[in-house]
Amino acid sequence: IRGRVRDWTDLEPELIGRVEELIDFVTQPAS
């Protein structure tokens, strides 16, 4: 097991999708 995640490609695709959704949500202008 790797001690660290070296790249986004090391993560599970589902997790990447969740993280991207979270980033998009957080970075959207408050409205």
N, C-alpha and C. Protein backbone atom coordinates (compact mmCIF):
# COMPACT_ATOMS: atom_id res chain seq x y z
N ILE A 1 0.86 -1.19 0.00
CA ILE A 1 0.00 0.00 0.00
C ILE A 1 0.89 1.23 0.00
N ARG A 2 0.55 2.18 -0.86
CA ARG A 2 1.36 3.40 -0.93
C ARG A 2 1.15 4.26 0.31
N GLY A 3 2.21 4.88 0.76
CA GLY A 3 2.10 5.77 1.91
C GLY A 3 1.46 7.09 1.53
N ARG A 4 1.56 7.45 0.27
CA ARG A 4 1.01 8.73 -0.17
C ARG A 4 0.35 8.58 -1.53
N VAL A 5 -0.58 9.49 -1.78
CA VAL A 5 -1.17 9.55 -3.12
C VAL A 5 -0.34 10.52 -3.93
N ARG A 6 0.32 10.02 -4.95
CA ARG A 6 1.25 10.86 -5.71
C ARG A 6 0.53 11.66 -6.79
N ASP A 7 -0.61 11.15 -7.23
CA ASP A 7 -1.30 11.81 -8.33
C ASP A 7 -2.79 11.52 -8.23
N TRP A 8 -3.59 12.37 -8.88
CA TRP A 8 -5.04 12.16 -8.87
C TRP A 8 -5.38 10.80 -9.46
N THR A 9 -4.57 10.31 -10.40
CA THR A 9 -4.85 9.03 -11.05
C THR A 9 -4.68 7.86 -10.10
N ASP A 10 -4.06 8.09 -8.95
CA ASP A 10 -3.92 7.02 -7.96
C ASP A 10 -5.21 6.83 -7.16
N LEU A 11 -6.09 7.82 -7.23
CA LEU A 11 -7.33 7.74 -6.46
C LEU A 11 -8.39 6.99 -7.23
N GLU A 12 -9.41 6.54 -6.51
CA GLU A 12 -10.53 5.86 -7.15
C GLU A 12 -11.31 6.86 -8.00
N PRO A 13 -11.73 6.47 -9.20
CA PRO A 13 -12.48 7.39 -10.08
C PRO A 13 -13.70 7.98 -9.39
N GLU A 14 -14.39 7.19 -8.57
CA GLU A 14 -15.57 7.71 -7.88
C GLU A 14 -15.18 8.84 -6.94
N LEU A 15 -14.05 8.66 -6.24
CA LEU A 15 -13.60 9.68 -5.30
C LEU A 15 -13.21 10.94 -6.05
N ILE A 16 -12.54 10.78 -7.19
CA ILE A 16 -12.17 11.93 -8.01
C ILE A 16 -13.42 12.72 -8.38
N GLY A 17 -14.45 12.02 -8.80
CA GLY A 17 -15.70 12.69 -9.17
C GLY A 17 -16.28 13.47 -8.00
N ARG A 18 -16.27 12.88 -6.83
CA ARG A 18 -16.80 13.55 -5.64
C ARG A 18 -15.99 14.80 -5.32
N VAL A 19 -14.67 14.66 -5.39
CA VAL A 19 -13.79 15.78 -5.08
C VAL A 19 -14.01 16.91 -6.07
N GLU A 20 -14.13 16.57 -7.37
CA GLU A 20 -14.35 17.60 -8.38
C GLU A 20 -15.67 18.31 -8.14
N GLU A 21 -16.71 17.55 -7.79
CA GLU A 21 -18.01 18.16 -7.50
C GLU A 21 -17.90 19.09 -6.31
N LEU A 22 -17.17 18.67 -5.28
CA LEU A 22 -17.01 19.49 -4.09
C LEU A 22 -16.25 20.77 -4.42
N ILE A 23 -15.17 20.65 -5.20
CA ILE A 23 -14.40 21.82 -5.60
C ILE A 23 -15.27 22.78 -6.40
N ASP A 24 -16.04 22.24 -7.35
CA ASP A 24 -16.91 23.09 -8.16
C ASP A 24 -17.91 23.81 -7.26
N PHE A 25 -18.47 23.11 -6.29
CA PHE A 25 -19.46 23.69 -5.39
C PHE A 25 -18.84 24.81 -4.55
N VAL A 26 -17.66 24.54 -4.02
CA VAL A 26 -17.00 25.51 -3.13
C VAL A 26 -16.55 26.74 -3.90
N THR A 27 -16.09 26.54 -5.14
CA THR A 27 -15.54 27.66 -5.89
C THR A 27 -16.59 28.46 -6.64
N GLN A 28 -17.85 28.02 -6.60
CA GLN A 28 -18.91 28.80 -7.25
C GLN A 28 -19.16 30.07 -6.45
N PRO A 29 -19.44 31.18 -7.15
CA PRO A 29 -19.77 32.43 -6.46
C PRO A 29 -21.03 32.25 -5.62
N ALA A 30 -21.02 32.78 -4.42
CA ALA A 30 -22.20 32.69 -3.57
C ALA A 30 -23.33 33.49 -4.20
N SER A 31 -24.50 32.85 -4.30
CA SER A 31 -25.63 33.55 -4.91
C SER A 31 -26.92 33.20 -4.18
